[in-house]
Amino acid sequence: MISADQIREHMEVRAADGTHVGTVDHLDGPTRIKLTKTDSEDGKHHLIPLDWVDHVDAHVHLSKNARDVRSQWATIN
């Protein structure tokens, strides 16, 4: 599992297919990333589990493609 301390606010989150799926707002507890609502098509926050993170460099790279991410993330607000 990726260490949460590698993930910083405002990092771009990319799906496995390279698609931009969001921007990190902050970590929501020890196991989830909360994405900004201002960067969301529906204007809501979305939560993704750290288990979906494949690796982190200048961006957060997920192990799922964009369609799967969007159909499986949790939505709040």
Protein backbone atom coordinates (compact mmCIF):
# COMPACT_ATOMS: atom_id res chain seq x y z
CA MET A 1 0.00 0.00 0.00
CA ILE A 2 1.11 3.54 -0.74
CA SER A 3 2.07 5.63 2.27
CA ALA A 4 -0.36 8.49 2.84
CA ASP A 5 2.52 10.89 3.53
CA GLN A 6 3.43 10.76 -0.20
CA ILE A 7 0.14 12.44 -1.12
CA ARG A 8 -0.14 16.22 -0.89
CA GLU A 9 -2.97 18.70 -1.32
CA HIS A 10 -3.53 19.94 -4.88
CA MET A 11 -1.82 16.95 -6.54
CA GLU A 12 -3.46 15.84 -9.77
CA VAL A 13 -5.08 12.39 -9.67
CA ARG A 14 -4.85 10.33 -12.86
CA ALA A 15 -6.57 7.08 -13.72
CA ALA A 16 -4.63 4.10 -15.10
CA ASP A 17 -5.59 5.19 -18.63
CA GLY A 18 -4.00 8.62 -18.03
CA THR A 19 -7.31 10.47 -17.66
CA HIS A 20 -7.48 13.31 -15.14
CA VAL A 21 -10.08 12.30 -12.54
CA GLY A 22 -9.56 14.97 -9.91
CA THR A 23 -7.34 17.00 -7.62
CA VAL A 24 -6.47 16.09 -4.04
CA ASP A 25 -8.32 18.23 -1.51
CA HIS A 26 -6.91 16.36 1.48
CA LEU A 27 -6.67 12.94 3.08
CA ASP A 28 -9.92 11.84 4.68
CA GLY A 29 -8.66 9.69 7.53
CA PRO A 30 -5.90 7.13 7.06
CA THR A 31 -7.39 5.27 4.09
CA ARG A 32 -9.13 7.71 1.71
CA ILE A 33 -8.35 10.66 -0.53
CA LYS A 34 -10.93 13.43 -0.78
CA LEU A 35 -10.99 15.15 -4.17
CA THR A 36 -11.82 18.83 -4.59
CA LYS A 37 -15.37 19.65 -5.61
CA THR A 38 -14.25 22.65 -7.68
CA ASP A 39 -12.48 20.24 -10.06
CA SER A 40 -15.47 17.90 -10.27
CA GLU A 41 -17.95 17.80 -13.15
CA ASP A 42 -20.87 17.48 -10.71
CA GLY A 43 -19.57 20.02 -8.17
CA LYS A 44 -19.34 17.41 -5.40
CA HIS A 45 -16.53 15.92 -3.35
CA HIS A 46 -15.53 12.36 -4.20
CA LEU A 47 -13.62 9.90 -2.03
CA ILE A 48 -11.25 7.26 -3.34
CA PRO A 49 -9.48 4.61 -1.25
CA LEU A 50 -5.71 4.60 -0.97
CA ASP A 51 -5.87 0.97 -2.13
CA TRP A 52 -6.56 2.29 -5.65
CA VAL A 53 -3.27 4.21 -5.76
CA ASP A 54 -0.69 2.49 -7.95
CA HIS A 55 2.13 4.99 -7.44
CA VAL A 56 2.87 8.61 -6.63
CA ASP A 57 5.32 10.94 -8.38
CA ALA A 58 4.33 14.50 -9.30
CA HIS A 59 0.80 13.05 -9.60
CA VAL A 60 -1.28 10.40 -7.88
CA HIS A 61 -1.65 7.49 -10.31
CA LEU A 62 -4.51 5.04 -9.82
CA SER A 63 -4.69 1.37 -10.77
CA LYS A 64 -8.24 1.71 -12.20
CA ASN A 65 -9.35 3.30 -15.45
CA ALA A 66 -11.40 6.51 -15.35
CA ARG A 67 -14.75 4.82 -16.02
CA ASP A 68 -14.25 2.42 -13.10
CA VAL A 69 -13.04 5.19 -10.78
CA ARG A 70 -16.08 7.35 -11.50
CA SER A 71 -18.53 4.47 -11.10
CA GLN A 72 -17.00 3.25 -7.83
CA TRP A 73 -15.93 6.35 -5.90
CA ALA A 74 -17.99 7.60 -2.97
CA THR A 75 -19.76 10.94 -3.43
CA ILE A 76 -20.48 13.44 -0.64
CA ASN A 77 -22.18 16.89 -0.50
